[in-house]
Amino acid sequence: MTEKGSGRIELICGPMFAGKTTILLKRLAAAQNRGLEVVGIKPAAENRYSDDEIVTHTGEAISATTITTGDSLVQAAGQAEVVGIDEAHFFDVALADGCRILAKRGVRVIVAGVDLDHHGKPFEVMVRLQQMAVGVMPLTARCAICNKPARYTQRLIAKDDRIIVGGAGEYEPRCGNCFNPFA
């Protein structure tokens, strides 16, 4: 384990296509290069590119353990010194509790996720993680309509579920002026 008291939670958040997973993978690779034991975690429901890897939209990847609930995090992390979690917004607030437990054990926990849903409302787990994180990196993308900084994720398909696994074609980044939560 890392030095006692060095555990922490770092949060990378923003809309889809802002580069959250890319930054997560860079931080995990840097930890691996320092010889630390790293574990990647992703939701089992996120299988767009791979069932057992965290993958960016551009194809960069790292192996990952899949979990179905936030309650599974601590066990899945094992004895890792650094844990990277992608798509945190897929989980309930139990994920945040697991992150806190790991951080208290001295684990560096790096979490990436979308903070606002397609209606512009915050995901509860992301709010909890923001409150606990020692560092929050809010990202923006480029608005698909006007190219200004985008803070929101526009859903392009008509479905009511809060979480729908998708990518380009189903979602696009939008600035506040171009975002339409009622579309």
N, C-alpha and C. Protein backbone atom coordinates (compact mmCIF):
# COMPACT_ATOMS: atom_id res chain seq x y z
N MET A 1 0.83 -1.18 0.00
CA MET A 1 0.00 0.00 0.00
C MET A 1 0.88 1.25 0.00
N THR A 2 0.29 2.32 -0.43
CA THR A 2 1.02 3.58 -0.42
C THR A 2 1.17 4.08 1.01
N GLU A 3 1.94 5.11 1.19
CA GLU A 3 2.21 5.66 2.51
C GLU A 3 0.92 6.03 3.22
N LYS A 4 0.82 5.69 4.53
CA LYS A 4 -0.40 5.96 5.29
C LYS A 4 -0.74 7.45 5.23
N GLY A 5 -2.01 7.73 4.99
CA GLY A 5 -2.46 9.11 4.91
C GLY A 5 -2.33 9.72 3.53
N SER A 6 -1.75 8.97 2.57
CA SER A 6 -1.58 9.54 1.24
C SER A 6 -2.76 9.23 0.33
N GLY A 7 -3.72 8.48 0.83
CA GLY A 7 -4.90 8.17 0.03
C GLY A 7 -5.71 9.42 -0.26
N ARG A 8 -6.35 9.42 -1.43
CA ARG A 8 -7.15 10.58 -1.81
C ARG A 8 -8.07 10.21 -2.95
N ILE A 9 -9.05 11.06 -3.16
CA ILE A 9 -9.97 10.92 -4.28
C ILE A 9 -9.75 12.11 -5.20
N GLU A 10 -9.55 11.81 -6.49
CA GLU A 10 -9.40 12.84 -7.53
C GLU A 10 -10.57 12.64 -8.49
N LEU A 11 -11.21 13.72 -8.90
CA LEU A 11 -12.38 13.62 -9.76
C LEU A 11 -12.16 14.38 -11.06
N ILE A 12 -12.44 13.70 -12.17
CA ILE A 12 -12.40 14.29 -13.51
C ILE A 12 -13.83 14.26 -14.02
N CYS A 13 -14.41 15.43 -14.31
CA CYS A 13 -15.82 15.46 -14.69
C CYS A 13 -16.07 16.42 -15.84
N GLY A 14 -17.22 16.27 -16.46
CA GLY A 14 -17.61 17.12 -17.58
C GLY A 14 -18.55 16.38 -18.50
N PRO A 15 -18.88 16.99 -19.63
CA PRO A 15 -19.80 16.35 -20.57
C PRO A 15 -19.11 15.24 -21.36
N MET A 16 -19.90 14.52 -22.11
CA MET A 16 -19.32 13.52 -23.00
C MET A 16 -18.41 14.23 -24.01
N PHE A 17 -17.39 13.53 -24.43
CA PHE A 17 -16.42 13.99 -25.45
C PHE A 17 -15.53 15.12 -24.96
N ALA A 18 -15.33 15.22 -23.65
CA ALA A 18 -14.45 16.25 -23.10
C ALA A 18 -13.04 15.74 -22.83
N GLY A 19 -12.81 14.42 -22.94
CA GLY A 19 -11.49 13.87 -22.72
C GLY A 19 -11.26 13.31 -21.32
N LYS A 20 -12.32 13.04 -20.58
CA LYS A 20 -12.21 12.54 -19.21
C LYS A 20 -11.46 11.21 -19.15
N THR A 21 -11.84 10.26 -19.99
CA THR A 21 -11.21 8.94 -19.97
C THR A 21 -9.76 9.02 -20.40
N THR A 22 -9.45 9.88 -21.34
CA THR A 22 -8.06 10.06 -21.78
C THR A 22 -7.19 10.51 -20.62
N ILE A 23 -7.65 11.48 -19.85
CA ILE A 23 -6.89 11.96 -18.69
C ILE A 23 -6.78 10.86 -17.64
N LEU A 24 -7.85 10.13 -17.40
CA LEU A 24 -7.82 9.02 -16.46
C LEU A 24 -6.75 8.01 -16.86
N LEU A 25 -6.74 7.61 -18.12
CA LEU A 25 -5.76 6.62 -18.58
C LEU A 25 -4.33 7.14 -18.48
N LYS A 26 -4.11 8.42 -18.74
CA LYS A 26 -2.77 9.00 -18.59
C LYS A 26 -2.31 8.95 -17.14
N ARG A 27 -3.19 9.26 -16.21
CA ARG A 27 -2.83 9.21 -14.79
C ARG A 27 -2.55 7.77 -14.36
N LEU A 28 -3.33 6.82 -14.84
CA LEU A 28 -3.10 5.42 -14.48
C LEU A 28 -1.79 4.91 -15.07
N ALA A 29 -1.50 5.29 -16.32
CA ALA A 29 -0.24 4.87 -16.95
C ALA A 29 0.95 5.46 -16.21
N ALA A 30 0.85 6.71 -15.77
CA ALA A 30 1.94 7.34 -15.02
C ALA A 30 2.17 6.59 -13.70
N ALA A 31 1.11 6.18 -13.04
CA ALA A 31 1.25 5.41 -11.80
C ALA A 31 1.89 4.05 -12.06
N GLN A 32 1.49 3.39 -13.13
CA GLN A 32 2.11 2.11 -13.50
C GLN A 32 3.59 2.28 -13.79
N ASN A 33 3.94 3.36 -14.48
CA ASN A 33 5.35 3.63 -14.80
C ASN A 33 6.19 3.87 -13.55
N ARG A 34 5.55 4.29 -12.45
CA ARG A 34 6.25 4.47 -11.18
C ARG A 34 6.28 3.16 -10.37
N GLY A 35 5.77 2.09 -10.96
CA GLY A 35 5.81 0.79 -10.30
C GLY A 35 4.68 0.53 -9.32
N LEU A 36 3.65 1.34 -9.34
CA LEU A 36 2.52 1.16 -8.43
C LEU A 36 1.54 0.14 -8.99
N GLU A 37 0.88 -0.57 -8.10
CA GLU A 37 -0.15 -1.52 -8.52
C GLU A 37 -1.43 -0.75 -8.84
N VAL A 38 -1.89 -0.88 -10.08
CA VAL A 38 -3.03 -0.12 -10.58
C VAL A 38 -4.15 -1.08 -10.96
N VAL A 39 -5.38 -0.70 -10.61
CA VAL A 39 -6.56 -1.45 -11.02
C VAL A 39 -7.53 -0.48 -11.68
N GLY A 40 -7.99 -0.83 -12.88
CA GLY A 40 -9.03 -0.08 -13.56
C GLY A 40 -10.38 -0.70 -13.25
N ILE A 41 -11.39 0.15 -13.04
CA ILE A 41 -12.74 -0.30 -12.72
C ILE A 41 -13.71 0.39 -13.68
N LYS A 42 -14.67 -0.37 -14.18
CA LYS A 42 -15.71 0.22 -15.03
C LYS A 42 -17.04 -0.47 -14.77
N PRO A 43 -18.14 0.19 -15.09
CA PRO A 43 -19.44 -0.45 -14.92
C PRO A 43 -19.64 -1.56 -15.96
N ALA A 44 -20.22 -2.66 -15.52
CA ALA A 44 -20.47 -3.77 -16.44
C ALA A 44 -21.36 -3.35 -17.60
N ALA A 45 -22.24 -2.39 -17.37
CA ALA A 45 -23.17 -1.95 -18.42
C ALA A 45 -22.46 -1.19 -19.54
N GLU A 46 -21.25 -0.68 -19.30
CA GLU A 46 -20.55 0.11 -20.31
C GLU A 46 -19.68 -0.83 -21.15
N ASN A 47 -20.26 -1.32 -22.22
CA ASN A 47 -19.56 -2.29 -23.07
C ASN A 47 -19.49 -1.84 -24.53
N ARG A 48 -19.45 -0.53 -24.75
CA ARG A 48 -19.40 -0.01 -26.13
C ARG A 48 -18.21 -0.54 -26.90
N TYR A 49 -17.04 -0.49 -26.30
CA TYR A 49 -15.81 -0.84 -27.00
C TYR A 49 -15.20 -2.14 -26.52
N SER A 50 -15.44 -2.49 -25.25
CA SER A 50 -14.82 -3.68 -24.68
C SER A 50 -15.54 -4.07 -23.40
N ASP A 51 -15.56 -5.37 -23.12
CA ASP A 51 -16.15 -5.84 -21.87
C ASP A 51 -15.17 -5.76 -20.71
N ASP A 52 -13.86 -5.78 -21.00
CA ASP A 52 -12.87 -5.87 -19.92
C ASP A 52 -11.75 -4.84 -20.04
N GLU A 53 -12.06 -3.71 -20.65
CA GLU A 53 -11.10 -2.61 -20.75
C GLU A 53 -11.82 -1.28 -20.61
N ILE A 54 -11.11 -0.29 -20.09
CA ILE A 54 -11.55 1.09 -20.17
C ILE A 54 -10.97 1.61 -21.48
N VAL A 55 -11.83 2.13 -22.35
CA VAL A 55 -11.40 2.52 -23.69
C VAL A 55 -11.87 3.94 -23.98
N THR A 56 -10.97 4.76 -24.53
CA THR A 56 -11.34 6.11 -24.94
C THR A 56 -12.05 6.05 -26.29
N HIS A 57 -12.66 7.15 -26.68
CA HIS A 57 -13.31 7.22 -27.99
C HIS A 57 -12.30 7.09 -29.13
N THR A 58 -11.01 7.33 -28.84
CA THR A 58 -9.97 7.22 -29.86
C THR A 58 -9.26 5.87 -29.85
N GLY A 59 -9.68 4.97 -28.93
CA GLY A 59 -9.13 3.62 -28.94
C GLY A 59 -8.05 3.31 -27.93
N GLU A 60 -7.60 4.28 -27.14
CA GLU A 60 -6.62 3.98 -26.08
C GLU A 60 -7.33 3.12 -25.03
N ALA A 61 -6.60 2.17 -24.43
CA ALA A 61 -7.26 1.25 -23.51
C ALA A 61 -6.34 0.80 -22.39
N ILE A 62 -6.96 0.37 -21.29
CA ILE A 62 -6.28 -0.26 -20.17
C ILE A 62 -7.22 -1.35 -19.66
N SER A 63 -6.67 -2.45 -19.20
CA SER A 63 -7.52 -3.53 -18.70
C SER A 63 -8.30 -3.05 -17.48
N ALA A 64 -9.49 -3.62 -17.30
CA ALA A 64 -10.36 -3.19 -16.21
C ALA A 64 -11.19 -4.34 -15.68
N THR A 65 -11.54 -4.21 -14.43
CA THR A 65 -12.48 -5.09 -13.78
C THR A 65 -13.85 -4.43 -13.88
N THR A 66 -14.86 -5.20 -14.23
CA THR A 66 -16.21 -4.63 -14.29
C THR A 66 -16.96 -4.95 -13.01
N ILE A 67 -17.75 -3.98 -12.56
CA ILE A 67 -18.61 -4.17 -11.40
C ILE A 67 -20.01 -3.69 -11.76
N THR A 68 -21.00 -4.21 -11.06
CA THR A 68 -22.38 -3.84 -11.35
C THR A 68 -22.94 -2.83 -10.37
N THR A 69 -22.38 -2.78 -9.16
CA THR A 69 -22.84 -1.82 -8.16
C THR A 69 -21.66 -1.17 -7.46
N GLY A 70 -21.91 0.00 -6.91
CA GLY A 70 -20.87 0.69 -6.15
C GLY A 70 -20.41 -0.09 -4.94
N ASP A 71 -21.28 -0.93 -4.39
CA ASP A 71 -20.92 -1.75 -3.23
C ASP A 71 -19.80 -2.74 -3.54
N SER A 72 -19.57 -3.04 -4.80
CA SER A 72 -18.55 -4.01 -5.21
C SER A 72 -17.16 -3.41 -5.33
N LEU A 73 -17.04 -2.09 -5.22
CA LEU A 73 -15.77 -1.41 -5.50
C LEU A 73 -14.62 -1.87 -4.62
N VAL A 74 -14.81 -1.88 -3.33
CA VAL A 74 -13.71 -2.17 -2.41
C VAL A 74 -13.14 -3.56 -2.69
N GLN A 75 -13.99 -4.54 -2.86
CA GLN A 75 -13.52 -5.90 -3.15
C GLN A 75 -12.81 -5.95 -4.50
N ALA A 76 -13.35 -5.30 -5.51
CA ALA A 76 -12.74 -5.32 -6.84
C ALA A 76 -11.38 -4.63 -6.86
N ALA A 77 -11.18 -3.64 -5.98
CA ALA A 77 -9.91 -2.92 -5.93
C ALA A 77 -8.78 -3.78 -5.39
N GLY A 78 -9.12 -4.78 -4.60
CA GLY A 78 -8.10 -5.66 -4.04
C GLY A 78 -7.07 -4.88 -3.25
N GLN A 79 -5.79 -5.15 -3.54
CA GLN A 79 -4.69 -4.49 -2.83
C GLN A 79 -4.04 -3.39 -3.67
N ALA A 80 -4.76 -2.87 -4.65
CA ALA A 80 -4.21 -1.84 -5.54
C ALA A 80 -3.80 -0.60 -4.75
N GLU A 81 -2.76 0.05 -5.24
CA GLU A 81 -2.31 1.32 -4.67
C GLU A 81 -2.99 2.50 -5.35
N VAL A 82 -3.39 2.29 -6.60
CA VAL A 82 -4.10 3.30 -7.38
C VAL A 82 -5.28 2.62 -8.06
N VAL A 83 -6.46 3.21 -7.91
CA VAL A 83 -7.66 2.68 -8.54
C VAL A 83 -8.23 3.75 -9.45
N GLY A 84 -8.48 3.39 -10.71
CA GLY A 84 -9.09 4.30 -11.67
C GLY A 84 -10.47 3.83 -12.02
N ILE A 85 -11.46 4.69 -11.86
CA ILE A 85 -12.86 4.34 -12.12
C ILE A 85 -13.37 5.20 -13.26
N ASP A 86 -13.88 4.56 -14.30
CA ASP A 86 -14.45 5.28 -15.43
C ASP A 86 -15.97 5.18 -15.39
N GLU A 87 -16.64 6.18 -15.97
CA GLU A 87 -18.10 6.22 -16.08
C GLU A 87 -18.77 6.11 -14.71
N ALA A 88 -18.26 6.87 -13.76
CA ALA A 88 -18.76 6.81 -12.38
C ALA A 88 -20.25 7.14 -12.29
N HIS A 89 -20.75 7.95 -13.21
CA HIS A 89 -22.16 8.34 -13.16
C HIS A 89 -23.11 7.17 -13.38
N PHE A 90 -22.61 6.02 -13.84
CA PHE A 90 -23.43 4.83 -14.01
C PHE A 90 -23.80 4.21 -12.66
N PHE A 91 -23.11 4.59 -11.59
CA PHE A 91 -23.28 3.96 -10.29
C PHE A 91 -24.14 4.79 -9.35
N ASP A 92 -24.58 4.15 -8.26
CA ASP A 92 -25.29 4.86 -7.21
C ASP A 92 -24.27 5.45 -6.23
N VAL A 93 -24.77 6.11 -5.19
CA VAL A 93 -23.87 6.80 -4.26
C VAL A 93 -23.00 5.84 -3.44
N ALA A 94 -23.32 4.56 -3.44
CA ALA A 94 -22.48 3.59 -2.74
C ALA A 94 -21.06 3.59 -3.31
N LEU A 95 -20.90 3.97 -4.57
CA LEU A 95 -19.56 4.07 -5.16
C LEU A 95 -18.73 5.10 -4.40
N ALA A 96 -19.33 6.22 -4.06
CA ALA A 96 -18.61 7.27 -3.33
C ALA A 96 -18.17 6.76 -1.96
N ASP A 97 -19.02 5.99 -1.31
CA ASP A 97 -18.65 5.42 -0.01
C ASP A 97 -17.47 4.48 -0.16
N GLY A 98 -17.46 3.67 -1.22
CA GLY A 98 -16.33 2.78 -1.48
C GLY A 98 -15.06 3.55 -1.76
N CYS A 99 -15.17 4.64 -2.49
CA CYS A 99 -14.00 5.48 -2.77
C CYS A 99 -13.42 6.04 -1.47
N ARG A 100 -14.30 6.46 -0.57
CA ARG A 100 -13.84 6.99 0.72
C ARG A 100 -13.12 5.92 1.53
N ILE A 101 -13.65 4.70 1.54
CA ILE A 101 -13.00 3.60 2.26
C ILE A 101 -11.61 3.35 1.70
N LEU A 102 -11.50 3.31 0.37
CA LEU A 102 -10.19 3.08 -0.26
C LEU A 102 -9.22 4.20 0.07
N ALA A 103 -9.67 5.45 -0.01
CA ALA A 103 -8.79 6.58 0.28
C ALA A 103 -8.29 6.52 1.72
N LYS A 104 -9.16 6.13 2.65
CA LYS A 104 -8.74 6.01 4.05
C LYS A 104 -7.69 4.92 4.23
N ARG A 105 -7.68 3.93 3.34
CA ARG A 105 -6.68 2.86 3.39
C ARG A 105 -5.35 3.29 2.78
N GLY A 106 -5.33 4.50 2.19
CA GLY A 106 -4.10 4.98 1.57
C GLY A 106 -4.08 4.84 0.06
N VAL A 107 -5.21 4.48 -0.53
CA VAL A 107 -5.29 4.29 -1.97
C VAL A 107 -5.57 5.62 -2.67
N ARG A 108 -4.89 5.85 -3.77
CA ARG A 108 -5.20 7.00 -4.63
C ARG A 108 -6.33 6.54 -5.56
N VAL A 109 -7.48 7.20 -5.48
CA VAL A 109 -8.65 6.84 -6.27
C VAL A 109 -8.91 7.95 -7.28
N ILE A 110 -8.83 7.61 -8.57
CA ILE A 110 -9.04 8.58 -9.64
C ILE A 110 -10.35 8.21 -10.33
N VAL A 111 -11.29 9.13 -10.34
CA VAL A 111 -12.64 8.85 -10.82
C VAL A 111 -12.97 9.79 -11.98
N ALA A 112 -13.54 9.21 -13.05
CA ALA A 112 -13.98 10.01 -14.19
C ALA A 112 -15.46 9.73 -14.46
N GLY A 113 -16.19 10.80 -14.78
CA GLY A 113 -17.61 10.61 -15.09
C GLY A 113 -18.28 11.89 -15.55
N VAL A 114 -19.42 11.71 -16.16
CA VAL A 114 -20.28 12.82 -16.59
C VAL A 114 -20.98 13.34 -15.34
N ASP A 115 -20.95 14.64 -15.12
CA ASP A 115 -21.56 15.16 -13.90
C ASP A 115 -23.01 15.58 -14.07
N LEU A 116 -23.44 15.92 -15.29
CA LEU A 116 -24.82 16.35 -15.53
C LEU A 116 -25.48 15.41 -16.53
N ASP A 117 -26.71 15.04 -16.27
CA ASP A 117 -27.43 14.16 -17.20
C ASP A 117 -27.94 14.95 -18.41
N HIS A 118 -28.69 14.29 -19.28
CA HIS A 118 -29.17 14.92 -20.51
C HIS A 118 -30.24 15.98 -20.27
N HIS A 119 -30.68 16.13 -19.02
CA HIS A 119 -31.59 17.22 -18.65
C HIS A 119 -30.84 18.35 -17.94
N GLY A 120 -29.52 18.18 -17.78
CA GLY A 120 -28.72 19.18 -17.09
C GLY A 120 -28.77 19.04 -15.58
N LYS A 121 -29.27 17.92 -15.07
CA LYS A 121 -29.35 17.68 -13.63
C LYS A 121 -28.17 16.84 -13.18
N PRO A 122 -27.62 17.15 -11.99
CA PRO A 122 -26.43 16.41 -11.53
C PRO A 122 -26.73 14.97 -11.15
N PHE A 123 -25.78 14.09 -11.44
CA PHE A 123 -25.83 12.72 -10.96
C PHE A 123 -25.43 12.74 -9.49
N GLU A 124 -26.22 12.11 -8.64
CA GLU A 124 -26.01 12.16 -7.20
C GLU A 124 -24.62 11.66 -6.81
N VAL A 125 -24.16 10.58 -7.42
CA VAL A 125 -22.85 10.04 -7.08
C VAL A 125 -21.75 11.06 -7.39
N MET A 126 -21.91 11.81 -8.46
CA MET A 126 -20.90 12.80 -8.82
C MET A 126 -20.88 13.96 -7.84
N VAL A 127 -22.04 14.36 -7.35
CA VAL A 127 -22.11 15.41 -6.32
C VAL A 127 -21.37 14.95 -5.07
N ARG A 128 -21.64 13.72 -4.65
CA ARG A 128 -20.99 13.19 -3.45
C ARG A 128 -19.48 13.13 -3.64
N LEU A 129 -19.04 12.67 -4.82
CA LEU A 129 -17.60 12.59 -5.09
C LEU A 129 -16.95 13.96 -5.11
N GLN A 130 -17.64 14.96 -5.66
CA GLN A 130 -17.10 16.32 -5.67
C GLN A 130 -16.89 16.81 -4.25
N GLN A 131 -17.78 16.46 -3.35
CA GLN A 131 -17.67 16.89 -1.96
C GLN A 131 -16.49 16.23 -1.25
N MET A 132 -16.10 15.04 -1.68
CA MET A 132 -15.04 14.28 -1.01
C MET A 132 -13.67 14.43 -1.68
N ALA A 133 -13.64 14.84 -2.92
CA ALA A 133 -12.40 14.86 -3.69
C ALA A 133 -11.45 15.95 -3.21
N VAL A 134 -10.15 15.62 -3.22
CA VAL A 134 -9.14 16.63 -2.90
C VAL A 134 -8.81 17.46 -4.14
N GLY A 135 -9.14 16.94 -5.29
CA GLY A 135 -8.94 17.66 -6.54
C GLY A 135 -10.06 17.35 -7.51
N VAL A 136 -10.67 18.39 -8.06
CA VAL A 136 -11.73 18.22 -9.05
C VAL A 136 -11.28 18.91 -10.32
N MET A 137 -11.28 18.16 -11.42
CA MET A 137 -10.90 18.70 -12.71
C MET A 137 -12.14 18.76 -13.61
N PRO A 138 -12.82 19.93 -13.65
CA PRO A 138 -13.97 20.04 -14.53
C PRO A 138 -13.50 20.33 -15.96
N LEU A 139 -14.01 19.57 -16.90
CA LEU A 139 -13.62 19.73 -18.30
C LEU A 139 -14.80 20.23 -19.12
N THR A 140 -14.48 20.83 -20.24
CA THR A 140 -15.50 21.17 -21.23
C THR A 140 -15.11 20.53 -22.54
N ALA A 141 -16.09 20.41 -23.41
CA ALA A 141 -15.85 19.94 -24.77
C ALA A 141 -16.12 21.12 -25.70
N ARG A 142 -16.21 20.88 -26.97
CA ARG A 142 -16.58 21.91 -27.95
C ARG A 142 -18.01 21.66 -28.39
N CYS A 143 -18.83 22.69 -28.33
CA CYS A 143 -20.24 22.57 -28.71
C CYS A 143 -20.34 22.10 -30.16
N ALA A 144 -21.15 21.07 -30.37
CA ALA A 144 -21.34 20.51 -31.71
C ALA A 144 -22.07 21.46 -32.64
N ILE A 145 -22.73 22.48 -32.08
CA ILE A 145 -23.49 23.43 -32.89
C ILE A 145 -22.67 24.68 -33.21
N CYS A 146 -22.10 25.33 -32.19
CA CYS A 146 -21.45 26.62 -32.40
C CYS A 146 -19.95 26.64 -32.09
N ASN A 147 -19.41 25.52 -31.60
CA ASN A 147 -17.98 25.37 -31.31
C ASN A 147 -17.50 26.12 -30.06
N LYS A 148 -18.41 26.68 -29.27
CA LYS A 148 -18.03 27.33 -28.01
C LYS A 148 -17.82 26.25 -26.96
N PRO A 149 -17.23 26.60 -25.81
CA PRO A 149 -17.05 25.60 -24.75
C PRO A 149 -18.39 24.99 -24.33
N ALA A 150 -18.42 23.66 -24.26
CA ALA A 150 -19.64 22.94 -23.96
C ALA A 150 -19.57 22.34 -22.57
N ARG A 151 -20.59 22.57 -21.79
CA ARG A 151 -20.69 22.07 -20.42
C ARG A 151 -21.74 20.96 -20.31
N TYR A 152 -22.58 20.83 -21.32
CA TYR A 152 -23.71 19.91 -21.28
C TYR A 152 -23.56 18.79 -22.30
N THR A 153 -24.34 17.71 -22.08
CA THR A 153 -24.40 16.60 -23.01
C THR A 153 -25.83 16.53 -23.54
N GLN A 154 -25.97 16.73 -24.84
CA GLN A 154 -27.28 16.68 -25.49
C GLN A 154 -27.56 15.26 -25.95
N ARG A 155 -28.69 14.70 -25.53
CA ARG A 155 -29.10 13.39 -26.02
C ARG A 155 -29.84 13.60 -27.34
N LEU A 156 -29.48 12.82 -28.34
CA LEU A 156 -30.06 12.97 -29.67
C LEU A 156 -31.12 11.92 -29.98
N ILE A 157 -31.30 10.97 -29.08
CA ILE A 157 -32.29 9.92 -29.29
C ILE A 157 -33.41 10.09 -28.27
N ALA A 158 -34.61 9.72 -28.64
CA ALA A 158 -35.78 9.91 -27.77
C ALA A 158 -35.99 8.68 -26.90
N LYS A 159 -35.37 8.69 -25.73
CA LYS A 159 -35.56 7.64 -24.73
C LYS A 159 -35.58 8.30 -23.37
N ASP A 160 -36.37 7.75 -22.46
CA ASP A 160 -36.55 8.36 -21.15
C ASP A 160 -35.54 7.92 -20.10
N ASP A 161 -34.88 6.77 -20.27
CA ASP A 161 -33.95 6.28 -19.26
C ASP A 161 -32.88 7.33 -18.97
N ARG A 162 -32.51 7.44 -17.71
CA ARG A 162 -31.49 8.43 -17.34
C ARG A 162 -30.13 8.07 -17.91
N ILE A 163 -29.80 6.78 -17.93
CA ILE A 163 -28.52 6.32 -18.46
C ILE A 163 -28.80 5.43 -19.66
N ILE A 164 -28.23 5.79 -20.77
CA ILE A 164 -28.27 4.96 -21.98
C ILE A 164 -26.84 4.94 -22.51
N VAL A 165 -26.29 3.75 -22.65
CA VAL A 165 -24.93 3.62 -23.17
C VAL A 165 -24.95 4.05 -24.63
N GLY A 166 -24.06 4.98 -24.96
CA GLY A 166 -24.01 5.47 -26.33
C GLY A 166 -22.79 6.31 -26.57
N GLY A 167 -22.68 6.82 -27.75
CA GLY A 167 -21.54 7.65 -28.12
C GLY A 167 -21.98 8.64 -29.18
N ALA A 168 -21.08 8.92 -30.12
CA ALA A 168 -21.39 9.83 -31.21
C ALA A 168 -22.60 9.26 -31.95
N GLY A 169 -23.53 10.13 -32.27
CA GLY A 169 -24.77 9.70 -32.90
C GLY A 169 -25.93 9.65 -31.92
N GLU A 170 -25.63 9.33 -30.66
CA GLU A 170 -26.66 9.36 -29.62
C GLU A 170 -26.53 10.58 -28.71
N TYR A 171 -25.32 11.10 -28.60
CA TYR A 171 -25.04 12.25 -27.74
C TYR A 171 -24.09 13.20 -28.44
N GLU A 172 -24.14 14.47 -28.03
CA GLU A 172 -23.14 15.44 -28.46
C GLU A 172 -23.00 16.53 -27.41
N PRO A 173 -21.82 17.13 -27.33
CA PRO A 173 -21.61 18.21 -26.37
C PRO A 173 -22.29 19.50 -26.84
N ARG A 174 -22.82 20.26 -25.87
CA ARG A 174 -23.49 21.52 -26.20
C ARG A 174 -23.14 22.59 -25.16
N CYS A 175 -23.04 23.82 -25.63
CA CYS A 175 -22.88 24.96 -24.73
C CYS A 175 -24.25 25.27 -24.11
N GLY A 176 -24.29 26.17 -23.16
CA GLY A 176 -25.54 26.53 -22.51
C GLY A 176 -26.58 27.11 -23.45
N ASN A 177 -26.15 27.84 -24.47
CA ASN A 177 -27.10 28.43 -25.41
C ASN A 177 -27.69 27.40 -26.36
N CYS A 178 -26.91 26.41 -26.75
CA CYS A 178 -27.37 25.42 -27.74
C CYS A 178 -28.00 24.18 -27.08
N PHE A 179 -27.81 24.02 -25.78
CA PHE A 179 -28.35 22.86 -25.07
C PHE A 179 -29.85 22.98 -24.92
N ASN A 180 -30.58 21.90 -25.23
CA ASN A 180 -32.03 21.87 -25.08
C ASN A 180 -32.41 20.63 -24.28
N PRO A 181 -32.58 20.78 -22.97
CA PRO A 181 -32.87 19.62 -22.14
C PRO A 181 -34.23 18.99 -22.42
N PHE A 182 -35.06 19.64 -23.19
CA PHE A 182 -36.42 19.15 -23.47
C PHE A 182 -36.53 18.50 -24.85
N ALA A 183 -35.41 18.43 -25.56
CA ALA A 183 -35.45 17.86 -26.92
C ALA A 183 -35.69 16.36 -26.88
